[in-house]
Each structure stands twice: as C-alpha cells, then as structure tokens.
Amino acid sequence: MRCNAPLPPDGGATARDETLREPFGEAPGPHGPVPPPWAEQSPIPWESAADYTSPMPPSEERSISLSREPWDEPAIWQPPAPRRKSRLPYFLGAAGAVLLIGVAAAIVFWPSGSSPSGNPPAAAQSSGQPSDQPSQGVVSETEDAGDLGTQAGAVNGLLEEMGSTRSDLGSVVADGCPASGLQRILDARKGQLERARTLEVSALDNGVQMKDALVRALEASTESNQRYLDTAPGCPSEGEVADVNQRASSAKSEFIGYWTPIAEQAGLPARSEGDI
C-alpha cells in the first residue's frame, strides 16, 4: 500500500493497491517510463526539492529599514532654565540708602553757628563791639598761635634794634656829636622806620593802633636825629629839639600801653619808654 491510500474493505493494510500497476519508472510509455502520480506531490525523502525561486538579492539590498526606536527619537526641546537673579542691585540700593540717611542726619544735626571747616566764629572785642564788626587787630580764635608769636617776635626784634640805636646816640652825643656818628644814627633810624611801616600785626590785639604809635615815635626820633646832624659838628641845644622829642616820648608811651599785654601773651620781655 502507498502512503495516505484508502484501506481496502477487508481492512488489510498489506493488500496490494490495484491502482499501482507497475513500479514507478518501469511502465513503458510512448516517450519512456511514466512517472508515478505522486512524483510531483512530494520529493523523495532522500532528495532535496528543486529550487524554482529567483535568487535573493544580497543582504544589504533586501534589508528593510525599520522605524526608529522610541529611545532613538531626539529629545523634546525644553526652554532653558531661568537665570538666577543677581543680588548685587539689592546690595547697591541698600548701600545708597544708608549713605543718603547718613548725609541727611549730618545736615540735620550739624552744629549751628559753626562753619563747615569746624572753625568757630571770631570773638568780639572786650570793648563791647559786635562780633560781626571786629576792630582791626583783634586776635580771632581761628588764628594760628604761630602767627601771633611770629608777628610779636618781629616787633620785639625791631624794639631791640631801636634800643641799641638809642644807646649809640648817647655815645655820639657824649663825643660832641660828630657828623659821621650822627649820620650813622640817622641812617639806622630811617631803616627802622621803614621796617615799622611794613610790620604785619593782624594777629595782635590792637595791632594797628600799636603799629601806628610805633611809626609816629620813629618819625619823631628821625626828625630829631636830622636836627642833630644839621648842627654838626656840635650838638643842638635842648630847646631846638624839645618839640620833636616830646612827640617821640608821647608816641612811645602810647606804644608801650599796647605792647605790654601782647608781650605777656607771647612770652616776650616787657619794655619801657627809655628802652626804645
């Protein structure tokens, strides 16, 4: 029996199949042996089936591109994170506010009546004059102590020269008033007069009045010395120089009144009329 053939009615599995008249390949035909009917149904187990398909293209040609995997997709665009705000503007604003508060407080609590430089106003004279109209020569509290000492020292130096010239005049008179000696005395007095006129006395109490008295005293002394020289050789009489000597003495006395308190304040020696 052949495979998959219906069994005979008697059920014998080994009965001859009547349809199989000749072994396959042995039945003659007009053109040779006729193949069995199942020859085209399935290949012989030990033979490989014929390949009637077209050859497949190379692997790279028959590859099929697949869709991209989800994880291969590009990342979805996200907006950048907002920048952190700097705290510098807040610090600068706070510092500016503190500075403005400090300036306002300084303006409000600034001591009244004082100048921005911190110097107090000048004091009024002891004579009762208003402080806004000080007399010339009043020592202001803003004056440097060195100015007072310098100006008083210059006056004191001139007084020492005047005293030395006075002593020299006494020697010339004792010698009979020679013209050469009198000329030397006159030249010295003229030089002292010019120095007195250029003295700086702004830092001294009543400095202008004191300076004026000293200038008048030297003018009178210079005029007296000129009269001595006009009578040379020989000395003039007391009456010929009495008026100028009186004017010189009065001016010297007035000067001493102004100079004494200044000398005490500056630590300088006091003077008398006879010293100058």
C-alpha atoms as a PDB file:
ATOM      1  CA  MET A   1       0.000   0.000   0.000  1.00  0.00           C
ATOM      2  CA  ARG A   2       1.136   3.525  -0.604  1.00  0.00           C
ATOM      3  CA  CYS A   3       1.021   6.262   1.925  1.00  0.00           C
ATOM      4  CA  ASN A   4      -2.257   8.011   2.527  1.00  0.00           C
ATOM      5  CA  ALA A   5      -4.154   5.466   0.269  1.00  0.00           C
ATOM      6  CA  PRO A   6      -7.587   4.340   1.461  1.00  0.00           C
ATOM      7  CA  LEU A   7      -7.660   0.972   3.119  1.00  0.00           C
ATOM      8  CA  PRO A   8      -9.433  -1.920   1.327  1.00  0.00           C
ATOM      9  CA  PRO A   9     -12.810  -3.023   2.524  1.00  0.00           C
ATOM     10  CA  ASP A  10     -11.448  -6.081   4.179  1.00  0.00           C
ATOM     11  CA  GLY A  11      -9.191  -3.895   6.294  1.00  0.00           C
ATOM     12  CA  GLY A  12      -5.942  -5.480   5.213  1.00  0.00           C
ATOM     13  CA  ALA A  13      -3.241  -2.991   5.462  1.00  0.00           C
ATOM     14  CA  THR A  14      -0.926  -5.117   3.404  1.00  0.00           C
ATOM     15  CA  ALA A  15      -3.243  -5.698   0.431  1.00  0.00           C
ATOM     16  CA  ARG A  16      -1.963  -4.749  -2.974  1.00  0.00           C
ATOM     17  CA  ASP A  17      -3.039  -1.490  -4.337  1.00  0.00           C
ATOM     18  CA  GLU A  18      -4.758  -2.115  -7.561  1.00  0.00           C
ATOM     19  CA  THR A  19      -4.037   1.343  -8.829  1.00  0.00           C
ATOM     20  CA  LEU A  20      -0.370   0.603  -8.704  1.00  0.00           C
ATOM     21  CA  ARG A  21       0.025  -1.468 -11.755  1.00  0.00           C
ATOM     22  CA  GLU A  22       3.741  -1.135 -12.246  1.00  0.00           C
ATOM     23  CA  PRO A  23       6.567   0.001 -10.178  1.00  0.00           C
ATOM     24  CA  PHE A  24       7.296   3.648 -10.762  1.00  0.00           C
ATOM     25  CA  GLY A  25       9.660   4.171 -13.570  1.00  0.00           C
ATOM     26  CA  GLU A  26       9.018   0.747 -15.181  1.00  0.00           C
ATOM     27  CA  ALA A  27       5.747   1.305 -17.094  1.00  0.00           C
ATOM     28  CA  PRO A  28       6.556   1.998 -20.675  1.00  0.00           C
ATOM     29  CA  GLY A  29       5.059   4.835 -22.468  1.00  0.00           C
ATOM     30  CA  PRO A  30       5.297   6.391 -25.851  1.00  0.00           C
ATOM     31  CA  HIS A  31       8.131   8.534 -24.677  1.00  0.00           C
ATOM     32  CA  GLY A  32       9.595   6.330 -21.992  1.00  0.00           C
ATOM     33  CA  PRO A  33       8.619   5.410 -18.445  1.00  0.00           C
ATOM     34  CA  VAL A  34       5.734   7.226 -16.931  1.00  0.00           C
ATOM     35  CA  PRO A  35       6.418   8.755 -13.507  1.00  0.00           C
ATOM     36  CA  PRO A  36       4.139   7.717 -10.727  1.00  0.00           C
ATOM     37  CA  PRO A  37       1.272  10.043  -9.860  1.00  0.00           C
ATOM     38  CA  TRP A  38       2.783  11.180  -6.650  1.00  0.00           C
ATOM     39  CA  ALA A  39       6.038  12.096  -8.197  1.00  0.00           C
ATOM     40  CA  GLU A  40       5.002  15.751  -8.278  1.00  0.00           C
ATOM     41  CA  GLN A  41       3.331  15.737  -4.871  1.00  0.00           C
ATOM     42  CA  SER A  42       6.354  15.484  -2.680  1.00  0.00           C
ATOM     43  CA  PRO A  43      10.025  14.870  -3.171  1.00  0.00           C
ATOM     44  CA  ILE A  44      11.694  11.715  -2.317  1.00  0.00           C
ATOM     45  CA  PRO A  45      12.870  11.920   1.291  1.00  0.00           C
ATOM     46  CA  TRP A  46      16.476  11.491   0.371  1.00  0.00           C
ATOM     47  CA  GLU A  47      16.358  14.038  -2.417  1.00  0.00           C
ATOM     48  CA  SER A  48      16.202  17.793  -1.967  1.00  0.00           C
ATOM     49  CA  ALA A  49      13.393  19.690  -3.618  1.00  0.00           C
ATOM     50  CA  ALA A  50      14.171  21.716  -6.659  1.00  0.00           C
ATOM     51  CA  ASP A  51      14.527  25.451  -6.093  1.00  0.00           C
ATOM     52  CA  TYR A  52      12.385  27.268  -8.655  1.00  0.00           C
ATOM     53  CA  THR A  53      12.510  30.715  -6.911  1.00  0.00           C
ATOM     54  CA  SER A  54      14.560  33.687  -8.047  1.00  0.00           C
ATOM     55  CA  PRO A  55      17.818  34.182  -6.226  1.00  0.00           C
ATOM     56  CA  MET A  56      17.544  36.525  -3.279  1.00  0.00           C
ATOM     57  CA  PRO A  57      19.436  39.802  -3.506  1.00  0.00           C
ATOM     58  CA  PRO A  58      22.384  40.382  -1.225  1.00  0.00           C
ATOM     59  CA  SER A  59      21.559  41.030   2.406  1.00  0.00           C
ATOM     60  CA  GLU A  60      22.293  44.735   2.176  1.00  0.00           C
ATOM     61  CA  GLU A  61      19.832  45.061  -0.700  1.00  0.00           C
ATOM     62  CA  ARG A  62      17.000  43.131   0.854  1.00  0.00           C
ATOM     63  CA  SER A  63      17.312  44.739   4.262  1.00  0.00           C
ATOM     64  CA  ILE A  64      14.226  46.577   5.342  1.00  0.00           C
ATOM     65  CA  SER A  65      14.606  49.785   7.264  1.00  0.00           C
ATOM     66  CA  LEU A  66      12.657  49.687  10.430  1.00  0.00           C
ATOM     67  CA  SER A  67      11.126  52.622  12.162  1.00  0.00           C
ATOM     68  CA  ARG A  68      13.263  54.413  14.744  1.00  0.00           C
ATOM     69  CA  GLU A  69      13.027  53.120  18.226  1.00  0.00           C
ATOM     70  CA  PRO A  70      11.368  55.462  20.745  1.00  0.00           C
ATOM     71  CA  TRP A  71      14.622  55.947  22.560  1.00  0.00           C
ATOM     72  CA  ASP A  72      16.317  56.987  19.305  1.00  0.00           C
ATOM     73  CA  GLU A  73      13.998  59.977  18.916  1.00  0.00           C
ATOM     74  CA  PRO A  74      15.630  63.384  19.565  1.00  0.00           C
ATOM     75  CA  ALA A  75      14.875  64.927  22.931  1.00  0.00           C
ATOM     76  CA  ILE A  76      11.903  67.243  23.003  1.00  0.00           C
ATOM     77  CA  TRP A  77      13.041  70.902  23.197  1.00  0.00           C
ATOM     78  CA  GLN A  78      12.723  72.335  26.628  1.00  0.00           C
ATOM     79  CA  PRO A  79      13.022  76.063  27.413  1.00  0.00           C
ATOM     80  CA  PRO A  80      16.276  76.943  29.247  1.00  0.00           C
ATOM     81  CA  ALA A  81      16.093  77.348  32.977  1.00  0.00           C
ATOM     82  CA  PRO A  82      15.612  80.979  34.037  1.00  0.00           C
ATOM     83  CA  ARG A  83      18.803  82.777  35.084  1.00  0.00           C
ATOM     84  CA  ARG A  84      19.370  83.384  38.726  1.00  0.00           C
ATOM     85  CA  LYS A  85      18.808  86.971  39.618  1.00  0.00           C
ATOM     86  CA  SER A  86      21.897  88.698  40.959  1.00  0.00           C
ATOM     87  CA  ARG A  87      21.698  90.191  44.436  1.00  0.00           C
ATOM     88  CA  LEU A  88      24.186  92.934  43.607  1.00  0.00           C
ATOM     89  CA  PRO A  89      21.500  95.550  42.736  1.00  0.00           C
ATOM     90  CA  TYR A  90      19.863  94.968  46.135  1.00  0.00           C
ATOM     91  CA  PHE A  91      23.165  95.477  47.964  1.00  0.00           C
ATOM     92  CA  LEU A  92      23.927  98.636  45.979  1.00  0.00           C
ATOM     93  CA  GLY A  93      20.462 100.012  46.670  1.00  0.00           C
ATOM     94  CA  ALA A  94      20.813  99.328  50.392  1.00  0.00           C
ATOM     95  CA  ALA A  95      24.247 100.983  50.492  1.00  0.00           C
ATOM     96  CA  GLY A  96      22.910 104.057  48.685  1.00  0.00           C
ATOM     97  CA  ALA A  97      20.005 104.333  51.107  1.00  0.00           C
ATOM     98  CA  VAL A  98      22.348 104.149  54.111  1.00  0.00           C
ATOM     99  CA  LEU A  99      24.576 106.841  52.575  1.00  0.00           C
ATOM    100  CA  LEU A 100      21.624 109.169  51.980  1.00  0.00           C
ATOM    101  CA  ILE A 101      20.412 108.668  55.539  1.00  0.00           C
ATOM    102  CA  GLY A 102      23.881 109.498  56.854  1.00  0.00           C
ATOM    103  CA  VAL A 103      24.098 112.695  54.787  1.00  0.00           C
ATOM    104  CA  ALA A 104      20.625 113.781  55.880  1.00  0.00           C
ATOM    105  CA  ALA A 105      21.490 113.130  59.549  1.00  0.00           C
ATOM    106  CA  ALA A 106      24.708 115.142  59.204  1.00  0.00           C
ATOM    107  CA  ILE A 107      22.800 118.084  57.726  1.00  0.00           C
ATOM    108  CA  VAL A 108      20.094 117.970  60.406  1.00  0.00           C
ATOM    109  CA  PHE A 109      22.398 117.579  63.396  1.00  0.00           C
ATOM    110  CA  TRP A 110      25.244 119.823  62.191  1.00  0.00           C
ATOM    111  CA  PRO A 111      26.078 122.310  64.993  1.00  0.00           C
ATOM    112  CA  SER A 112      24.550 125.693  64.234  1.00  0.00           C
ATOM    113  CA  GLY A 113      26.753 128.739  64.109  1.00  0.00           C
ATOM    114  CA  SER A 114      29.892 126.861  63.026  1.00  0.00           C
ATOM    115  CA  SER A 115      31.457 126.827  59.626  1.00  0.00           C
ATOM    116  CA  PRO A 116      31.845 123.577  57.637  1.00  0.00           C
ATOM    117  CA  SER A 117      35.575 123.591  58.354  1.00  0.00           C
ATOM    118  CA  GLY A 118      34.851 123.378  62.076  1.00  0.00           C
ATOM    119  CA  ASN A 119      36.277 126.830  62.923  1.00  0.00           C
ATOM    120  CA  PRO A 120      34.262 128.852  65.453  1.00  0.00           C
ATOM    121  CA  PRO A 121      33.336 132.447  64.687  1.00  0.00           C
ATOM    122  CA  ALA A 122      35.680 135.211  65.742  1.00  0.00           C
ATOM    123  CA  ALA A 123      35.176 136.570  69.228  1.00  0.00           C
ATOM    124  CA  ALA A 124      34.044 140.118  69.781  1.00  0.00           C
ATOM    125  CA  GLN A 125      36.347 142.701  71.320  1.00  0.00           C
ATOM    126  CA  SER A 126      36.267 143.227  75.049  1.00  0.00           C
ATOM    127  CA  SER A 127      35.200 146.817  74.354  1.00  0.00           C
ATOM    128  CA  GLY A 128      31.672 145.561  73.577  1.00  0.00           C
ATOM    129  CA  GLN A 129      31.730 145.885  69.783  1.00  0.00           C
ATOM    130  CA  PRO A 130      29.538 143.347  67.897  1.00  0.00           C
ATOM    131  CA  SER A 131      31.306 140.216  66.700  1.00  0.00           C
ATOM    132  CA  ASP A 132      30.243 140.878  63.090  1.00  0.00           C
ATOM    133  CA  GLN A 133      32.187 144.193  63.121  1.00  0.00           C
ATOM    134  CA  PRO A 134      35.506 143.363  64.793  1.00  0.00           C
ATOM    135  CA  SER A 135      38.063 146.136  65.099  1.00  0.00           C
ATOM    136  CA  GLN A 136      41.390 145.821  63.345  1.00  0.00           C
ATOM    137  CA  GLY A 137      43.943 143.891  65.397  1.00  0.00           C
ATOM    138  CA  VAL A 138      41.525 141.632  67.332  1.00  0.00           C
ATOM    139  CA  VAL A 139      43.002 138.138  67.657  1.00  0.00           C
ATOM    140  CA  SER A 140      40.482 135.678  66.198  1.00  0.00           C
ATOM    141  CA  GLU A 141      40.107 132.212  67.681  1.00  0.00           C
ATOM    142  CA  THR A 142      40.822 130.868  64.194  1.00  0.00           C
ATOM    143  CA  GLU A 143      44.265 132.491  64.097  1.00  0.00           C
ATOM    144  CA  ASP A 144      47.149 130.095  64.424  1.00  0.00           C
ATOM    145  CA  ALA A 145      49.175 130.539  67.600  1.00  0.00           C
ATOM    146  CA  GLY A 146      52.301 130.573  65.449  1.00  0.00           C
ATOM    147  CA  ASP A 147      51.105 133.758  63.674  1.00  0.00           C
ATOM    148  CA  LEU A 148      50.827 135.647  66.939  1.00  0.00           C
ATOM    149  CA  GLY A 149      54.281 134.520  68.052  1.00  0.00           C
ATOM    150  CA  THR A 150      55.827 135.357  64.680  1.00  0.00           C
ATOM    151  CA  GLN A 151      54.305 138.826  64.471  1.00  0.00           C
ATOM    152  CA  ALA A 152      55.071 139.676  68.085  1.00  0.00           C
ATOM    153  CA  GLY A 153      58.624 138.417  67.624  1.00  0.00           C
ATOM    154  CA  ALA A 154      59.145 140.714  64.633  1.00  0.00           C
ATOM    155  CA  VAL A 155      58.004 143.730  66.677  1.00  0.00           C
ATOM    156  CA  ASN A 156      60.239 142.704  69.565  1.00  0.00           C
ATOM    157  CA  GLY A 157      63.248 142.411  67.242  1.00  0.00           C
ATOM    158  CA  LEU A 158      62.655 145.946  65.963  1.00  0.00           C
ATOM    159  CA  LEU A 159      62.410 147.244  69.529  1.00  0.00           C
ATOM    160  CA  GLU A 160      65.789 145.698  70.347  1.00  0.00           C
ATOM    161  CA  GLU A 161      67.407 147.493  67.392  1.00  0.00           C
ATOM    162  CA  MET A 162      65.768 150.762  68.423  1.00  0.00           C
ATOM    163  CA  GLY A 163      67.183 150.366  71.947  1.00  0.00           C
ATOM    164  CA  SER A 164      70.651 149.672  70.551  1.00  0.00           C
ATOM    165  CA  THR A 165      70.458 152.788  68.348  1.00  0.00           C
ATOM    166  CA  ARG A 166      69.372 154.870  71.350  1.00  0.00           C
ATOM    167  CA  SER A 167      72.440 153.721  73.277  1.00  0.00           C
ATOM    168  CA  ASP A 168      74.662 154.516  70.251  1.00  0.00           C
ATOM    169  CA  LEU A 169      73.146 158.012  70.068  1.00  0.00           C
ATOM    170  CA  GLY A 170      74.106 158.581  73.699  1.00  0.00           C
ATOM    171  CA  SER A 171      77.703 157.687  72.875  1.00  0.00           C
ATOM    172  CA  VAL A 172      77.750 160.026  69.828  1.00  0.00           C
ATOM    173  CA  VAL A 173      76.369 162.922  71.895  1.00  0.00           C
ATOM    174  CA  ALA A 174      78.979 162.243  74.571  1.00  0.00           C
ATOM    175  CA  ASP A 175      81.668 162.506  71.875  1.00  0.00           C
ATOM    176  CA  GLY A 176      80.470 166.005  70.897  1.00  0.00           C
ATOM    177  CA  CYS A 177      78.031 165.000  68.111  1.00  0.00           C
ATOM    178  CA  PRO A 178      80.447 164.288  65.242  1.00  0.00           C
ATOM    179  CA  ALA A 179      78.766 164.363  61.850  1.00  0.00           C
ATOM    180  CA  SER A 180      79.798 160.801  60.984  1.00  0.00           C
ATOM    181  CA  GLY A 181      78.271 159.433  64.142  1.00  0.00           C
ATOM    182  CA  LEU A 182      75.060 161.432  63.721  1.00  0.00           C
ATOM    183  CA  GLN A 183      74.765 160.278  60.081  1.00  0.00           C
ATOM    184  CA  ARG A 184      75.088 156.672  61.217  1.00  0.00           C
ATOM    185  CA  ILE A 185      72.332 157.193  63.771  1.00  0.00           C
ATOM    186  CA  LEU A 186      70.056 158.880  61.201  1.00  0.00           C
ATOM    187  CA  ASP A 187      70.513 156.052  58.670  1.00  0.00           C
ATOM    188  CA  ALA A 188      69.655 153.470  61.307  1.00  0.00           C
ATOM    189  CA  ARG A 189      66.506 155.378  62.329  1.00  0.00           C
ATOM    190  CA  LYS A 190      65.307 155.643  58.735  1.00  0.00           C
ATOM    191  CA  GLY A 191      65.743 151.904  58.242  1.00  0.00           C
ATOM    192  CA  GLN A 192      63.825 151.164  61.438  1.00  0.00           C
ATOM    193  CA  LEU A 193      61.020 153.495  60.336  1.00  0.00           C
ATOM    194  CA  GLU A 194      60.613 151.638  57.051  1.00  0.00           C
ATOM    195  CA  ARG A 195      60.519 148.290  58.874  1.00  0.00           C
ATOM    196  CA  ALA A 196      57.874 149.593  61.296  1.00  0.00           C
ATOM    197  CA  ARG A 197      55.658 150.654  58.398  1.00  0.00           C
ATOM    198  CA  THR A 198      55.734 147.101  56.915  1.00  0.00           C
ATOM    199  CA  LEU A 199      55.090 145.179  60.140  1.00  0.00           C
ATOM    200  CA  GLU A 200      52.318 142.530  59.985  1.00  0.00           C
ATOM    201  CA  VAL A 201      50.143 142.861  63.098  1.00  0.00           C
ATOM    202  CA  SER A 202      46.835 141.205  62.125  1.00  0.00           C
ATOM    203  CA  ALA A 203      47.185 138.514  64.827  1.00  0.00           C
ATOM    204  CA  LEU A 204      47.922 141.006  67.661  1.00  0.00           C
ATOM    205  CA  ASP A 205      45.389 142.656  69.949  1.00  0.00           C
ATOM    206  CA  ASN A 206      45.027 146.298  68.880  1.00  0.00           C
ATOM    207  CA  GLY A 207      47.872 145.664  66.459  1.00  0.00           C
ATOM    208  CA  VAL A 208      47.008 148.514  64.101  1.00  0.00           C
ATOM    209  CA  GLN A 209      46.919 151.080  66.903  1.00  0.00           C
ATOM    210  CA  MET A 210      50.174 149.752  68.334  1.00  0.00           C
ATOM    211  CA  LYS A 211      51.859 149.894  64.928  1.00  0.00           C
ATOM    212  CA  ASP A 212      50.660 153.459  64.322  1.00  0.00           C
ATOM    213  CA  ALA A 213      52.084 154.606  67.666  1.00  0.00           C
ATOM    214  CA  LEU A 214      55.449 152.954  66.904  1.00  0.00           C
ATOM    215  CA  VAL A 215      55.639 154.586  63.460  1.00  0.00           C
ATOM    216  CA  ARG A 216      54.915 158.044  64.947  1.00  0.00           C
ATOM    217  CA  ALA A 217      57.602 157.545  67.590  1.00  0.00           C
ATOM    218  CA  LEU A 218      60.229 156.653  64.982  1.00  0.00           C
ATOM    219  CA  GLU A 219      59.193 159.565  62.754  1.00  0.00           C
ATOM    220  CA  ALA A 220      59.728 161.980  65.644  1.00  0.00           C
ATOM    221  CA  SER A 221      63.058 160.354  66.534  1.00  0.00           C
ATOM    222  CA  THR A 222      64.230 160.548  62.890  1.00  0.00           C
ATOM    223  CA  GLU A 223      63.337 164.243  62.750  1.00  0.00           C
ATOM    224  CA  SER A 224      65.274 164.855  65.981  1.00  0.00           C
ATOM    225  CA  ASN A 225      68.316 163.000  64.601  1.00  0.00           C
ATOM    226  CA  GLN A 226      68.178 165.153  61.442  1.00  0.00           C
ATOM    227  CA  ARG A 227      68.274 168.329  63.559  1.00  0.00           C
ATOM    228  CA  TYR A 228      71.302 166.972  65.383  1.00  0.00           C
ATOM    229  CA  LEU A 229      73.024 166.378  62.050  1.00  0.00           C
ATOM    230  CA  ASP A 230      72.098 169.860  60.798  1.00  0.00           C
ATOM    231  CA  THR A 231      74.001 171.483  63.700  1.00  0.00           C
ATOM    232  CA  ALA A 232      77.060 169.278  63.363  1.00  0.00           C
ATOM    233  CA  PRO A 233      79.738 169.491  64.256  1.00  0.00           C
ATOM    234  CA  GLY A 234      78.407 170.027  67.704  1.00  0.00           C
ATOM    235  CA  CYS A 235      75.130 169.152  69.438  1.00  0.00           C
ATOM    236  CA  PRO A 236      71.939 171.219  69.255  1.00  0.00           C
ATOM    237  CA  SER A 237      70.508 172.896  72.337  1.00  0.00           C
ATOM    238  CA  GLU A 238      67.713 171.248  74.287  1.00  0.00           C
ATOM    239  CA  GLY A 239      65.226 173.830  73.054  1.00  0.00           C
ATOM    240  CA  GLU A 240      65.998 173.091  69.387  1.00  0.00           C
ATOM    241  CA  VAL A 241      64.816 169.511  69.683  1.00  0.00           C
ATOM    242  CA  ALA A 242      62.338 169.765  72.564  1.00  0.00           C
ATOM    243  CA  ASP A 243      59.158 169.613  70.464  1.00  0.00           C
ATOM    244  CA  VAL A 244      60.155 166.573  68.416  1.00  0.00           C
ATOM    245  CA  ASN A 245      61.463 164.810  71.481  1.00  0.00           C
ATOM    246  CA  GLN A 246      58.121 165.418  73.196  1.00  0.00           C
ATOM    247  CA  ARG A 247      56.218 163.939  70.275  1.00  0.00           C
ATOM    248  CA  ALA A 248      58.504 160.913  70.256  1.00  0.00           C
ATOM    249  CA  SER A 249      58.069 160.421  74.000  1.00  0.00           C
ATOM    250  CA  SER A 250      54.266 160.576  73.798  1.00  0.00           C
ATOM    251  CA  ALA A 251      54.139 158.083  70.908  1.00  0.00           C
ATOM    252  CA  LYS A 252      56.463 155.712  72.753  1.00  0.00           C
ATOM    253  CA  SER A 253      54.295 155.842  75.866  1.00  0.00           C
ATOM    254  CA  GLU A 254      51.179 155.014  73.796  1.00  0.00           C
ATOM    255  CA  PHE A 255      53.006 152.143  72.123  1.00  0.00           C
ATOM    256  CA  ILE A 256      54.064 150.641  75.463  1.00  0.00           C
ATOM    257  CA  GLY A 257      50.413 150.576  76.560  1.00  0.00           C
ATOM    258  CA  TYR A 258      49.532 148.367  73.583  1.00  0.00           C
ATOM    259  CA  TRP A 259      52.688 146.269  73.636  1.00  0.00           C
ATOM    260  CA  THR A 260      52.740 145.165  77.284  1.00  0.00           C
ATOM    261  CA  PRO A 261      49.745 142.735  77.132  1.00  0.00           C
ATOM    262  CA  ILE A 262      50.953 141.380  73.781  1.00  0.00           C
ATOM    263  CA  ALA A 263      54.405 140.713  75.198  1.00  0.00           C
ATOM    264  CA  GLU A 264      52.875 138.867  78.154  1.00  0.00           C
ATOM    265  CA  GLN A 265      50.713 136.766  75.828  1.00  0.00           C
ATOM    266  CA  ALA A 266      53.650 135.927  73.551  1.00  0.00           C
ATOM    267  CA  GLY A 267      56.115 135.350  76.389  1.00  0.00           C
ATOM    268  CA  LEU A 268      58.349 138.297  75.409  1.00  0.00           C
ATOM    269  CA  PRO A 269      60.068 140.835  77.699  1.00  0.00           C
ATOM    270  CA  ALA A 270      58.172 143.977  78.641  1.00  0.00           C
ATOM    271  CA  ARG A 271      59.558 147.358  77.537  1.00  0.00           C
ATOM    272  CA  SER A 272      59.708 150.860  78.945  1.00  0.00           C
ATOM    273  CA  GLU A 273      59.809 154.185  77.185  1.00  0.00           C
ATOM    274  CA  GLY A 274      63.507 154.562  77.889  1.00  0.00           C
ATOM    275  CA  ASP A 275      64.254 151.163  76.276  1.00  0.00           C
ATOM    276  CA  ILE A 276      63.095 152.301  72.855  1.00  0.00           C
END
